[in-house]
């Protein structure tokens, strides 16, 4: 299983390759927005990241493997978008989305009604 230290090393090497000069690990820590002491602990594997730190790394590097390290579900941008806006949709649209989902699950529709699309 991949660990945070492995992912940080991978991204550090990629970052070093993209620089004209050879940057330091301390500069990399500043670049990714964390203190050097924390970075060193994570980089050496003497400390495990929190979920919040893993979320930061996943977003910063656009690498969802950081979620795997701490056992978090990977980001699902479409789901999060629908979830954030669910209450803004008319009930008829919510029902239609639910019905469109029903062929992909064995779970019955809310209220025990059969899907009109099946």
PDB file of N, CA and C in Angstrom:
ATOM      1  N   UNK A   1       0.843  -1.197   0.000  1.00  0.00           N
ATOM      2  CA  UNK A   1       0.000   0.000   0.000  1.00  0.00           C
ATOM      3  C   UNK A   1       0.877   1.245   0.000  1.00  0.00           C
ATOM      4  N   UNK A   2       0.475   2.205  -0.781  1.00  0.00           N
ATOM      5  CA  UNK A   2       1.209   3.461  -0.858  1.00  0.00           C
ATOM      6  C   UNK A   2       0.990   4.264   0.430  1.00  0.00           C
ATOM      7  N   UNK A   3       2.011   4.972   0.842  1.00  0.00           N
ATOM      8  CA  UNK A   3       1.937   5.793   2.046  1.00  0.00           C
ATOM      9  C   UNK A   3       2.143   7.259   1.682  1.00  0.00           C
ATOM     10  N   UNK A   4       1.779   8.129   2.596  1.00  0.00           N
ATOM     11  CA  UNK A   4       1.926   9.562   2.363  1.00  0.00           C
ATOM     12  C   UNK A   4       3.363   9.917   2.022  1.00  0.00           C
ATOM     13  N   UNK A   5       4.322   9.310   2.732  1.00  0.00           N
ATOM     14  CA  UNK A   5       5.727   9.635   2.467  1.00  0.00           C
ATOM     15  C   UNK A   5       6.106   9.298   1.031  1.00  0.00           C
ATOM     16  N   UNK A   6       5.563   8.210   0.490  1.00  0.00           N
ATOM     17  CA  UNK A   6       5.847   7.833  -0.900  1.00  0.00           C
ATOM     18  C   UNK A   6       5.278   8.861  -1.875  1.00  0.00           C
ATOM     19  N   UNK A   7       4.054   9.293  -1.604  1.00  0.00           N
ATOM     20  CA  UNK A   7       3.413  10.272  -2.476  1.00  0.00           C
ATOM     21  C   UNK A   7       4.123  11.610  -2.412  1.00  0.00           C
ATOM     22  N   UNK A   8       4.516  12.021  -1.195  1.00  0.00           N
ATOM     23  CA  UNK A   8       5.241  13.284  -1.064  1.00  0.00           C
ATOM     24  C   UNK A   8       6.574  13.230  -1.798  1.00  0.00           C
ATOM     25  N   UNK A   9       7.268  12.113  -1.692  1.00  0.00           N
ATOM     26  CA  UNK A   9       8.534  11.957  -2.403  1.00  0.00           C
ATOM     27  C   UNK A   9       8.315  12.048  -3.909  1.00  0.00           C
ATOM     28  N   UNK A  10       7.302  11.371  -4.403  1.00  0.00           N
ATOM     29  CA  UNK A  10       6.987  11.408  -5.835  1.00  0.00           C
ATOM     30  C   UNK A  10       6.732  12.831  -6.307  1.00  0.00           C
ATOM     31  N   UNK A  11       5.931  13.573  -5.544  1.00  0.00           N
ATOM     32  CA  UNK A  11       5.597  14.950  -5.936  1.00  0.00           C
ATOM     33  C   UNK A  11       6.795  15.882  -5.751  1.00  0.00           C
ATOM     34  N   UNK A  12       7.617  15.626  -4.755  1.00  0.00           N
ATOM     35  CA  UNK A  12       8.828  16.418  -4.560  1.00  0.00           C
ATOM     36  C   UNK A  12       9.772  16.243  -5.747  1.00  0.00           C
ATOM     37  N   UNK A  13       9.956  15.015  -6.201  1.00  0.00           N
ATOM     38  CA  UNK A  13      10.828  14.741  -7.348  1.00  0.00           C
ATOM     39  C   UNK A  13      10.282  15.433  -8.600  1.00  0.00           C
ATOM     40  N   UNK A  14       8.976  15.337  -8.818  1.00  0.00           N
ATOM     41  CA  UNK A  14       8.363  16.010  -9.973  1.00  0.00           C
ATOM     42  C   UNK A  14       8.576  17.518  -9.894  1.00  0.00           C
ATOM     43  N   UNK A  15       8.426  18.071  -8.698  1.00  0.00           N
ATOM     44  CA  UNK A  15       8.599  19.514  -8.498  1.00  0.00           C
ATOM     45  C   UNK A  15      10.045  19.909  -8.756  1.00  0.00           C
ATOM     46  N   UNK A  16      10.985  19.097  -8.266  1.00  0.00           N
ATOM     47  CA  UNK A  16      12.406  19.377  -8.487  1.00  0.00           C
ATOM     48  C   UNK A  16      12.718  19.388  -9.982  1.00  0.00           C
ATOM     49  N   UNK A  17      12.150  18.455 -10.719  1.00  0.00           N
ATOM     50  CA  UNK A  17      12.394  18.376 -12.162  1.00  0.00           C
ATOM     51  C   UNK A  17      11.879  19.608 -12.899  1.00  0.00           C
ATOM     52  N   UNK A  18      10.823  20.214 -12.357  1.00  0.00           N
ATOM     53  CA  UNK A  18      10.221  21.371 -13.031  1.00  0.00           C
ATOM     54  C   UNK A  18      10.917  22.685 -12.686  1.00  0.00           C
ATOM     55  N   UNK A  19      11.904  22.640 -11.795  1.00  0.00           N
ATOM     56  CA  UNK A  19      12.636  23.848 -11.403  1.00  0.00           C
ATOM     57  C   UNK A  19      13.980  23.916 -12.118  1.00  0.00           C
ATOM     58  N   UNK A  20      14.392  25.130 -12.467  1.00  0.00           N
ATOM     59  CA  UNK A  20      15.673  25.326 -13.138  1.00  0.00           C
ATOM     60  C   UNK A  20      16.838  25.048 -12.183  1.00  0.00           C
ATOM     61  N   UNK A  21      16.639  25.369 -10.912  1.00  0.00           N
ATOM     62  CA  UNK A  21      17.686  25.110  -9.908  1.00  0.00           C
ATOM     63  C   UNK A  21      17.227  23.989  -9.000  1.00  0.00           C
ATOM     64  N   UNK A  22      18.092  23.511  -8.162  1.00  0.00           N
ATOM     65  CA  UNK A  22      17.757  22.406  -7.265  1.00  0.00           C
ATOM     66  C   UNK A  22      17.180  22.986  -5.958  1.00  0.00           C
ATOM     67  N   UNK A  23      15.853  22.933  -5.807  1.00  0.00           N
ATOM     68  CA  UNK A  23      15.234  23.490  -4.592  1.00  0.00           C
ATOM     69  C   UNK A  23      15.432  22.557  -3.395  1.00  0.00           C
ATOM     70  N   UNK A  24      15.232  23.107  -2.209  1.00  0.00           N
ATOM     71  CA  UNK A  24      15.388  22.326  -0.977  1.00  0.00           C
ATOM     72  C   UNK A  24      14.054  21.747  -0.529  1.00  0.00           C
ATOM     73  N   UNK A  25      14.142  20.787   0.368  1.00  0.00           N
ATOM     74  CA  UNK A  25      12.941  20.191   0.957  1.00  0.00           C
ATOM     75  C   UNK A  25      12.179  21.255   1.740  1.00  0.00           C
ATOM     76  N   UNK A  26      12.903  22.148   2.382  1.00  0.00           N
ATOM     77  CA  UNK A  26      12.272  23.234   3.145  1.00  0.00           C
ATOM     78  C   UNK A  26      11.447  24.132   2.209  1.00  0.00           C
ATOM     79  N   UNK A  27      11.978  24.409   1.036  1.00  0.00           N
ATOM     80  CA  UNK A  27      11.251  25.216   0.059  1.00  0.00           C
ATOM     81  C   UNK A  27      10.002  24.475  -0.440  1.00  0.00           C
ATOM     82  N   UNK A  28      10.130  23.176  -0.598  1.00  0.00           N
ATOM     83  CA  UNK A  28       8.984  22.377  -1.026  1.00  0.00           C
ATOM     84  C   UNK A  28       7.878  22.420   0.020  1.00  0.00           C
ATOM     85  N   UNK A  29       8.244  22.311   1.291  1.00  0.00           N
ATOM     86  CA  UNK A  29       7.245  22.381   2.365  1.00  0.00           C
ATOM     87  C   UNK A  29       6.499  23.712   2.303  1.00  0.00           C
ATOM     88  N   UNK A  30       7.241  24.798   2.118  1.00  0.00           N
ATOM     89  CA  UNK A  30       6.608  26.117   2.013  1.00  0.00           C
ATOM     90  C   UNK A  30       5.718  26.188   0.772  1.00  0.00           C
ATOM     91  N   UNK A  31       6.199  25.626  -0.319  1.00  0.00           N
ATOM     92  CA  UNK A  31       5.451  25.614  -1.579  1.00  0.00           C
ATOM     93  C   UNK A  31       4.095  24.920  -1.423  1.00  0.00           C
ATOM     94  N   UNK A  32       4.049  23.818  -0.674  1.00  0.00           N
ATOM     95  CA  UNK A  32       2.783  23.087  -0.522  1.00  0.00           C
ATOM     96  C   UNK A  32       1.953  23.590   0.664  1.00  0.00           C
ATOM     97  N   UNK A  33       2.500  24.574   1.387  1.00  0.00           N
ATOM     98  CA  UNK A  33       1.712  25.247   2.415  1.00  0.00           C
ATOM     99  C   UNK A  33       1.707  24.604   3.786  1.00  0.00           C
ATOM    100  N   UNK A  34       2.777  23.882   4.131  1.00  0.00           N
ATOM    101  CA  UNK A  34       2.873  23.336   5.489  1.00  0.00           C
ATOM    102  C   UNK A  34       4.241  23.659   6.063  1.00  0.00           C
ATOM    103  N   UNK A  35       4.337  23.599   7.378  1.00  0.00           N
ATOM    104  CA  UNK A  35       5.603  23.862   8.045  1.00  0.00           C
ATOM    105  C   UNK A  35       6.617  22.753   7.785  1.00  0.00           C
ATOM    106  N   UNK A  36       7.891  23.151   7.869  1.00  0.00           N
ATOM    107  CA  UNK A  36       8.950  22.193   7.587  1.00  0.00           C
ATOM    108  C   UNK A  36       8.964  21.033   8.579  1.00  0.00           C
ATOM    109  N   UNK A  37       8.722  21.308   9.858  1.00  0.00           N
ATOM    110  CA  UNK A  37       8.753  20.238  10.870  1.00  0.00           C
ATOM    111  C   UNK A  37       7.688  19.176  10.558  1.00  0.00           C
ATOM    112  N   UNK A  38       6.472  19.622  10.279  1.00  0.00           N
ATOM    113  CA  UNK A  38       5.395  18.689   9.923  1.00  0.00           C
ATOM    114  C   UNK A  38       5.762  17.934   8.651  1.00  0.00           C
ATOM    115  N   UNK A  39       6.246  18.664   7.655  1.00  0.00           N
ATOM    116  CA  UNK A  39       6.613  18.017   6.398  1.00  0.00           C
ATOM    117  C   UNK A  39       7.657  16.933   6.646  1.00  0.00           C
ATOM    118  N   UNK A  40       8.676  17.244   7.436  1.00  0.00           N
ATOM    119  CA  UNK A  40       9.750  16.277   7.702  1.00  0.00           C
ATOM    120  C   UNK A  40       9.190  15.021   8.372  1.00  0.00           C
ATOM    121  N   UNK A  41       8.260  15.203   9.313  1.00  0.00           N
ATOM    122  CA  UNK A  41       7.661  14.052   9.995  1.00  0.00           C
ATOM    123  C   UNK A  41       6.850  13.193   9.020  1.00  0.00           C
ATOM    124  N   UNK A  42       6.094  13.835   8.150  1.00  0.00           N
ATOM    125  CA  UNK A  42       5.295  13.101   7.160  1.00  0.00           C
ATOM    126  C   UNK A  42       6.205  12.446   6.119  1.00  0.00           C
ATOM    127  N   UNK A  43       7.215  13.175   5.700  1.00  0.00           N
ATOM    128  CA  UNK A  43       8.150  12.709   4.674  1.00  0.00           C
ATOM    129  C   UNK A  43       8.972  11.516   5.160  1.00  0.00           C
ATOM    130  N   UNK A  44       9.285  11.515   6.455  1.00  0.00           N
ATOM    131  CA  UNK A  44      10.067  10.413   7.036  1.00  0.00           C
ATOM    132  C   UNK A  44       9.186   9.267   7.523  1.00  0.00           C
ATOM    133  N   UNK A  45       7.881   9.466   7.536  1.00  0.00           N
ATOM    134  CA  UNK A  45       6.971   8.419   7.971  1.00  0.00           C
ATOM    135  C   UNK A  45       6.834   8.284   9.477  1.00  0.00           C
ATOM    136  N   UNK A  46       7.334   9.278  10.222  1.00  0.00           N
ATOM    137  CA  UNK A  46       7.220   9.222  11.683  1.00  0.00           C
ATOM    138  C   UNK A  46       5.897   9.805  12.173  1.00  0.00           C
ATOM    139  N   UNK A  47       5.130  10.360  11.250  1.00  0.00           N
ATOM    140  CA  UNK A  47       3.821  10.910  11.594  1.00  0.00           C
ATOM    141  C   UNK A  47       2.875  10.624  10.438  1.00  0.00           C
ATOM    142  N   UNK A  48       1.642  10.304  10.779  1.00  0.00           N
ATOM    143  CA  UNK A  48       0.616  10.066   9.767  1.00  0.00           C
ATOM    144  C   UNK A  48      -0.204  11.347   9.583  1.00  0.00           C
ATOM    145  N   UNK A  49      -0.659  11.601   8.384  1.00  0.00           N
ATOM    146  CA  UNK A  49      -1.443  12.822   8.153  1.00  0.00           C
ATOM    147  C   UNK A  49      -2.849  12.701   8.734  1.00  0.00           C
ATOM    148  N   UNK A  50      -3.402  13.843   9.076  1.00  0.00           N
ATOM    149  CA  UNK A  50      -4.810  13.882   9.470  1.00  0.00           C
ATOM    150  C   UNK A  50      -5.643  13.838   8.191  1.00  0.00           C
ATOM    151  N   UNK A  51      -6.921  13.643   8.351  1.00  0.00           N
ATOM    152  CA  UNK A  51      -7.807  13.649   7.182  1.00  0.00           C
ATOM    153  C   UNK A  51      -7.781  15.020   6.512  1.00  0.00           C
ATOM    154  N   UNK A  52      -7.749  16.070   7.327  1.00  0.00           N
ATOM    155  CA  UNK A  52      -7.717  17.423   6.768  1.00  0.00           C
ATOM    156  C   UNK A  52      -6.436  17.653   5.964  1.00  0.00           C
ATOM    157  N   UNK A  53      -5.313  17.177   6.476  1.00  0.00           N
ATOM    158  CA  UNK A  53      -4.046  17.314   5.745  1.00  0.00           C
ATOM    159  C   UNK A  53      -4.095  16.511   4.448  1.00  0.00           C
ATOM    160  N   UNK A  54      -4.667  15.310   4.504  1.00  0.00           N
ATOM    161  CA  UNK A  54      -4.780  14.490   3.297  1.00  0.00           C
ATOM    162  C   UNK A  54      -5.665  15.165   2.256  1.00  0.00           C
ATOM    163  N   UNK A  55      -6.735  15.816   2.713  1.00  0.00           N
ATOM    164  CA  UNK A  55      -7.599  16.554   1.792  1.00  0.00           C
ATOM    165  C   UNK A  55      -6.815  17.693   1.138  1.00  0.00           C
ATOM    166  N   UNK A  56      -6.002  18.377   1.945  1.00  0.00           N
ATOM    167  CA  UNK A  56      -5.179  19.475   1.425  1.00  0.00           C
ATOM    168  C   UNK A  56      -4.228  18.959   0.349  1.00  0.00           C
ATOM    169  N   UNK A  57      -3.529  17.861   0.645  1.00  0.00           N
ATOM    170  CA  UNK A  57      -2.571  17.309  -0.316  1.00  0.00           C
ATOM    171  C   UNK A  57      -3.269  16.838  -1.589  1.00  0.00           C
ATOM    172  N   UNK A  58      -4.412  16.177  -1.434  1.00  0.00           N
ATOM    173  CA  UNK A  58      -5.152  15.679  -2.600  1.00  0.00           C
ATOM    174  C   UNK A  58      -5.559  16.837  -3.504  1.00  0.00           C
ATOM    175  N   UNK A  59      -6.031  17.919  -2.899  1.00  0.00           N
ATOM    176  CA  UNK A  59      -6.441  19.086  -3.690  1.00  0.00           C
ATOM    177  C   UNK A  59      -5.224  19.792  -4.287  1.00  0.00           C
ATOM    178  N   UNK A  60      -4.190  19.973  -3.491  1.00  0.00           N
ATOM    179  CA  UNK A  60      -3.011  20.705  -3.947  1.00  0.00           C
ATOM    180  C   UNK A  60      -2.335  19.994  -5.119  1.00  0.00           C
ATOM    181  N   UNK A  61      -2.131  18.697  -4.980  1.00  0.00           N
ATOM    182  CA  UNK A  61      -1.430  17.937  -6.014  1.00  0.00           C
ATOM    183  C   UNK A  61      -2.370  17.351  -7.063  1.00  0.00           C
ATOM    184  N   UNK A  62      -3.672  17.499  -6.837  1.00  0.00           N
ATOM    185  CA  UNK A  62      -4.680  16.875  -7.683  1.00  0.00           C
ATOM    186  C   UNK A  62      -4.389  15.373  -7.801  1.00  0.00           C
ATOM    187  N   UNK A  63      -4.215  14.757  -6.628  1.00  0.00           N
ATOM    188  CA  UNK A  63      -3.847  13.342  -6.535  1.00  0.00           C
ATOM    189  C   UNK A  63      -4.714  12.692  -5.461  1.00  0.00           C
ATOM    190  N   UNK A  64      -5.720  11.968  -5.894  1.00  0.00           N
ATOM    191  CA  UNK A  64      -6.683  11.395  -4.966  1.00  0.00           C
ATOM    192  C   UNK A  64      -6.131  10.212  -4.169  1.00  0.00           C
ATOM    193  N   UNK A  65      -4.932   9.764  -4.479  1.00  0.00           N
ATOM    194  CA  UNK A  65      -4.329   8.680  -3.706  1.00  0.00           C
ATOM    195  C   UNK A  65      -4.099   9.087  -2.254  1.00  0.00           C
ATOM    196  N   UNK A  66      -4.016  10.387  -1.979  1.00  0.00           N
ATOM    197  CA  UNK A  66      -3.855  10.844  -0.595  1.00  0.00           C
ATOM    198  C   UNK A  66      -5.069  10.457   0.254  1.00  0.00           C
ATOM    199  N   UNK A  67      -6.246  10.351  -0.365  1.00  0.00           N
ATOM    200  CA  UNK A  67      -7.436   9.903   0.357  1.00  0.00           C
ATOM    201  C   UNK A  67      -7.305   8.431   0.759  1.00  0.00           C
ATOM    202  N   UNK A  68      -6.726   7.628  -0.118  1.00  0.00           N
ATOM    203  CA  UNK A  68      -6.569   6.200   0.148  1.00  0.00           C
ATOM    204  C   UNK A  68      -5.736   5.939   1.397  1.00  0.00           C
ATOM    205  N   UNK A  69      -4.712   6.756   1.604  1.00  0.00           N
ATOM    206  CA  UNK A  69      -3.780   6.564   2.720  1.00  0.00           C
ATOM    207  C   UNK A  69      -4.508   6.598   4.067  1.00  0.00           C
ATOM    208  N   UNK A  70      -5.477   7.475   4.196  1.00  0.00           N
ATOM    209  CA  UNK A  70      -6.184   7.621   5.476  1.00  0.00           C
ATOM    210  C   UNK A  70      -7.562   6.960   5.459  1.00  0.00           C
ATOM    211  N   UNK A  71      -7.836   6.189   4.416  1.00  0.00           N
ATOM    212  CA  UNK A  71      -9.095   5.450   4.362  1.00  0.00           C
ATOM    213  C   UNK A  71     -10.318   6.301   4.084  1.00  0.00           C
ATOM    214  N   UNK A  72     -10.122   7.428   3.398  1.00  0.00           N
ATOM    215  CA  UNK A  72     -11.246   8.294   3.045  1.00  0.00           C
ATOM    216  C   UNK A  72     -11.738   7.947   1.641  1.00  0.00           C
ATOM    217  N   UNK A  73     -13.017   8.166   1.424  1.00  0.00           N
ATOM    218  CA  UNK A  73     -13.554   8.007   0.076  1.00  0.00           C
ATOM    219  C   UNK A  73     -12.965   9.100  -0.806  1.00  0.00           C
ATOM    220  N   UNK A  74     -12.668   8.739  -2.018  1.00  0.00           N
ATOM    221  CA  UNK A  74     -12.139   9.727  -2.951  1.00  0.00           C
ATOM    222  C   UNK A  74     -13.200  10.765  -3.275  1.00  0.00           C
ATOM    223  N   UNK A  75     -12.730  11.928  -3.670  1.00  0.00           N
ATOM    224  CA  UNK A  75     -13.639  13.001  -4.054  1.00  0.00           C
ATOM    225  C   UNK A  75     -14.538  12.551  -5.192  1.00  0.00           C
ATOM    226  N   UNK A  76     -15.759  12.962  -5.126  1.00  0.00           N
ATOM    227  CA  UNK A  76     -16.707  12.711  -6.205  1.00  0.00           C
ATOM    228  C   UNK A  76     -17.345  14.055  -6.541  1.00  0.00           C
ATOM    229  N   UNK A  77     -16.686  14.836  -7.401  1.00  0.00           N
ATOM    230  CA  UNK A  77     -17.150  16.206  -7.653  1.00  0.00           C
ATOM    231  C   UNK A  77     -18.597  16.303  -8.126  1.00  0.00           C
ATOM    232  N   UNK A  78     -19.023  15.379  -8.981  1.00  0.00           N
ATOM    233  CA  UNK A  78     -20.409  15.444  -9.461  1.00  0.00           C
ATOM    234  C   UNK A  78     -21.391  15.213  -8.319  1.00  0.00           C
ATOM    235  N   UNK A  79     -21.082  14.228  -7.472  1.00  0.00           N
ATOM    236  CA  UNK A  79     -21.954  13.952  -6.324  1.00  0.00           C
ATOM    237  C   UNK A  79     -21.990  15.149  -5.380  1.00  0.00           C
ATOM    238  N   UNK A  80     -20.824  15.717  -5.106  1.00  0.00           N
ATOM    239  CA  UNK A  80     -20.772  16.866  -4.199  1.00  0.00           C
ATOM    240  C   UNK A  80     -21.560  18.051  -4.754  1.00  0.00           C
ATOM    241  N   UNK A  81     -21.497  18.245  -6.059  1.00  0.00           N
ATOM    242  CA  UNK A  81     -22.249  19.322  -6.704  1.00  0.00           C
ATOM    243  C   UNK A  81     -23.754  19.103  -6.527  1.00  0.00           C
ATOM    244  N   UNK A  82     -24.201  17.879  -6.808  1.00  0.00           N
ATOM    245  CA  UNK A  82     -25.625  17.562  -6.659  1.00  0.00           C
ATOM    246  C   UNK A  82     -26.037  17.699  -5.203  1.00  0.00           C
ATOM    247  N   UNK A  83     -25.199  17.190  -4.303  1.00  0.00           N
ATOM    248  CA  UNK A  83     -25.514  17.243  -2.878  1.00  0.00           C
ATOM    249  C   UNK A  83     -25.650  18.699  -2.397  1.00  0.00           C
ATOM    250  N   UNK A  84     -24.713  19.561  -2.817  1.00  0.00           N
ATOM    251  CA  UNK A  84     -24.758  20.978  -2.402  1.00  0.00           C
ATOM    252  C   UNK A  84     -26.016  21.674  -2.915  1.00  0.00           C
ATOM    253  N   UNK A  85     -26.486  21.259  -4.077  1.00  0.00           N
ATOM    254  CA  UNK A  85     -27.587  21.968  -4.720  1.00  0.00           C
ATOM    255  C   UNK A  85     -28.924  21.238  -4.666  1.00  0.00           C
ATOM    256  N   UNK A  86     -28.969  20.104  -4.009  1.00  0.00           N
ATOM    257  CA  UNK A  86     -30.174  19.274  -3.958  1.00  0.00           C
ATOM    258  C   UNK A  86     -31.396  20.064  -3.495  1.00  0.00           C
ATOM    259  N   UNK A  87     -31.271  20.815  -2.426  1.00  0.00           N
ATOM    260  CA  UNK A  87     -32.404  21.557  -1.866  1.00  0.00           C
ATOM    261  C   UNK A  87     -32.885  22.692  -2.749  1.00  0.00           C
ATOM    262  N   UNK A  88     -32.095  23.093  -3.728  1.00  0.00           N
ATOM    263  CA  UNK A  88     -32.471  24.184  -4.630  1.00  0.00           C
ATOM    264  C   UNK A  88     -33.300  23.693  -5.815  1.00  0.00           C
ATOM    265  N   UNK A  89     -33.329  22.360  -6.006  1.00  0.00           N
ATOM    266  CA  UNK A  89     -34.050  21.788  -7.146  1.00  0.00           C
ATOM    267  C   UNK A  89     -35.519  21.573  -6.806  1.00  0.00           C
ATOM    268  N   UNK A  90     -36.371  21.748  -7.785  1.00  0.00           N
ATOM    269  CA  UNK A  90     -37.778  21.418  -7.558  1.00  0.00           C
ATOM    270  C   UNK A  90     -37.919  19.926  -7.244  1.00  0.00           C
ATOM    271  N   UNK A  91     -38.941  19.567  -6.496  1.00  0.00           N
ATOM    272  CA  UNK A  91     -39.184  18.188  -6.091  1.00  0.00           C
ATOM    273  C   UNK A  91     -39.293  17.273  -7.310  1.00  0.00           C
ATOM    274  N   UNK A  92     -39.883  17.760  -8.385  1.00  0.00           N
ATOM    275  CA  UNK A  92     -40.029  16.933  -9.591  1.00  0.00           C
ATOM    276  C   UNK A  92     -38.659  16.556 -10.165  1.00  0.00           C
ATOM    277  N   UNK A  93     -37.705  17.488 -10.116  1.00  0.00           N
ATOM    278  CA  UNK A  93     -36.353  17.223 -10.625  1.00  0.00           C
ATOM    279  C   UNK A  93     -35.646  16.226  -9.705  1.00  0.00           C
ATOM    280  N   UNK A  94     -35.812  16.391  -8.392  1.00  0.00           N
ATOM    281  CA  UNK A  94     -35.224  15.439  -7.444  1.00  0.00           C
ATOM    282  C   UNK A  94     -35.755  14.031  -7.719  1.00  0.00           C
ATOM    283  N   UNK A  95     -37.068  13.923  -7.935  1.00  0.00           N
ATOM    284  CA  UNK A  95     -37.692  12.625  -8.208  1.00  0.00           C
ATOM    285  C   UNK A  95     -37.152  12.030  -9.500  1.00  0.00           C
ATOM    286  N   UNK A  96     -36.981  12.853 -10.540  1.00  0.00           N
ATOM    287  CA  UNK A  96     -36.481  12.367 -11.824  1.00  0.00           C
ATOM    288  C   UNK A  96     -35.043  11.856 -11.678  1.00  0.00           C
ATOM    289  N   UNK A  97     -34.206  12.571 -10.941  1.00  0.00           N
ATOM    290  CA  UNK A  97     -32.826  12.126 -10.708  1.00  0.00           C
ATOM    291  C   UNK A  97     -32.831  10.787  -9.978  1.00  0.00           C
ATOM    292  N   UNK A  98     -33.688  10.665  -8.975  1.00  0.00           N
ATOM    293  CA  UNK A  98     -33.806   9.416  -8.223  1.00  0.00           C
ATOM    294  C   UNK A  98     -34.234   8.275  -9.145  1.00  0.00           C
ATOM    295  N   UNK A  99     -35.180   8.534 -10.003  1.00  0.00           N
ATOM    296  CA  UNK A  99     -35.641   7.508 -10.940  1.00  0.00           C
ATOM    297  C   UNK A  99     -34.547   7.132 -11.944  1.00  0.00           C
ATOM    298  N   UNK A 100     -33.770   8.106 -12.389  1.00  0.00           N
ATOM    299  CA  UNK A 100     -32.674   7.823 -13.322  1.00  0.00           C
ATOM    300  C   UNK A 100     -31.596   6.955 -12.675  1.00  0.00           C
ATOM    301  N   UNK A 101     -31.443   7.077 -11.379  1.00  0.00           N
ATOM    302  CA  UNK A 101     -30.448   6.290 -10.649  1.00  0.00           C
ATOM    303  C   UNK A 101     -30.927   4.863 -10.396  1.00  0.00           C
ATOM    304  N   UNK A 102     -32.219   4.657 -10.295  1.00  0.00           N
ATOM    305  CA  UNK A 102     -32.769   3.371  -9.863  1.00  0.00           C
ATOM    306  C   UNK A 102     -32.304   2.146 -10.662  1.00  0.00           C
ATOM    307  N   UNK A 103     -32.070   2.219 -11.974  1.00  0.00           N
ATOM    308  CA  UNK A 103     -31.603   1.015 -12.677  1.00  0.00           C
ATOM    309  C   UNK A 103     -30.200   0.554 -12.251  1.00  0.00           C
ATOM    310  N   UNK A 104     -29.457   1.408 -11.565  1.00  0.00           N
ATOM    311  CA  UNK A 104     -28.079   1.092 -11.190  1.00  0.00           C
ATOM    312  C   UNK A 104     -27.941   0.601  -9.749  1.00  0.00           C
ATOM    313  N   UNK A 105     -29.050   0.361  -9.093  1.00  0.00           N
ATOM    314  CA  UNK A 105     -29.021  -0.088  -7.705  1.00  0.00           C
ATOM    315  C   UNK A 105     -30.113  -1.123  -7.465  1.00  0.00           C
ATOM    316  N   UNK A 106     -29.924  -1.924  -6.442  1.00  0.00           N
ATOM    317  CA  UNK A 106     -30.965  -2.877  -6.051  1.00  0.00           C
ATOM    318  C   UNK A 106     -31.852  -2.283  -4.959  1.00  0.00           C
ATOM    319  N   UNK A 107     -31.483  -1.127  -4.473  1.00  0.00           N
ATOM    320  CA  UNK A 107     -32.248  -0.452  -3.420  1.00  0.00           C
ATOM    321  C   UNK A 107     -33.567   0.058  -4.005  1.00  0.00           C
ATOM    322  N   UNK A 108     -34.679  -0.171  -3.283  1.00  0.00           N
ATOM    323  CA  UNK A 108     -35.970   0.321  -3.795  1.00  0.00           C
ATOM    324  C   UNK A 108     -36.034   1.852  -3.755  1.00  0.00           C
ATOM    325  N   UNK A 109     -36.867   2.397  -4.602  1.00  0.00           N
ATOM    326  CA  UNK A 109     -37.077   3.849  -4.594  1.00  0.00           C
ATOM    327  C   UNK A 109     -37.669   4.275  -3.252  1.00  0.00           C
ATOM    328  N   UNK A 110     -37.407   5.496  -2.834  1.00  0.00           N
ATOM    329  CA  UNK A 110     -38.020   5.996  -1.595  1.00  0.00           C
ATOM    330  C   UNK A 110     -39.534   5.893  -1.664  1.00  0.00           C
ATOM    331  N   UNK A 111     -40.132   5.473  -0.621  1.00  0.00           N
ATOM    332  CA  UNK A 111     -41.581   5.312  -0.591  1.00  0.00           C
ATOM    333  C   UNK A 111     -42.030   3.974  -1.151  1.00  0.00           C
ATOM    334  N   UNK A 112     -41.085   3.131  -1.568  1.00  0.00           N
ATOM    335  CA  UNK A 112     -41.400   1.801  -2.062  1.00  0.00           C
ATOM    336  C   UNK A 112     -42.029   1.759  -3.437  1.00  0.00           C
ATOM    337  N   UNK A 113     -42.016   2.895  -4.163  1.00  0.00           N
ATOM    338  CA  UNK A 113     -42.633   2.935  -5.480  1.00  0.00           C
ATOM    339  C   UNK A 113     -41.672   2.377  -6.519  1.00  0.00           C
ATOM    340  N   UNK A 114     -42.227   1.725  -7.535  1.00  0.00           N
ATOM    341  CA  UNK A 114     -41.428   1.224  -8.646  1.00  0.00           C
ATOM    342  C   UNK A 114     -41.051   2.386  -9.559  1.00  0.00           C
ATOM    343  N   UNK A 115     -39.897   2.273 -10.156  1.00  0.00           N
ATOM    344  CA  UNK A 115     -39.450   3.298 -11.083  1.00  0.00           C
ATOM    345  C   UNK A 115     -40.318   3.274 -12.336  1.00  0.00           C
ATOM    346  N   UNK A 116     -40.637   4.446 -12.847  1.00  0.00           N
ATOM    347  CA  UNK A 116     -41.399   4.539 -14.081  1.00  0.00           C
ATOM    348  C   UNK A 116     -40.510   4.246 -15.283  1.00  0.00           C
ATOM    349  N   UNK A 117     -39.169   4.258 -15.062  1.00  0.00           N
ATOM    350  CA  UNK A 117     -38.248   4.058 -16.172  1.00  0.00           C
ATOM    351  C   UNK A 117     -37.891   2.588 -16.356  1.00  0.00           C
ATOM    352  N   UNK A 118     -38.300   1.688 -15.428  1.00  0.00           N
ATOM    353  CA  UNK A 118     -37.970   0.268 -15.558  1.00  0.00           C
ATOM    354  C   UNK A 118     -39.135  -0.515 -16.072  1.00  0.00           C
TER     355      UNK A 118
END
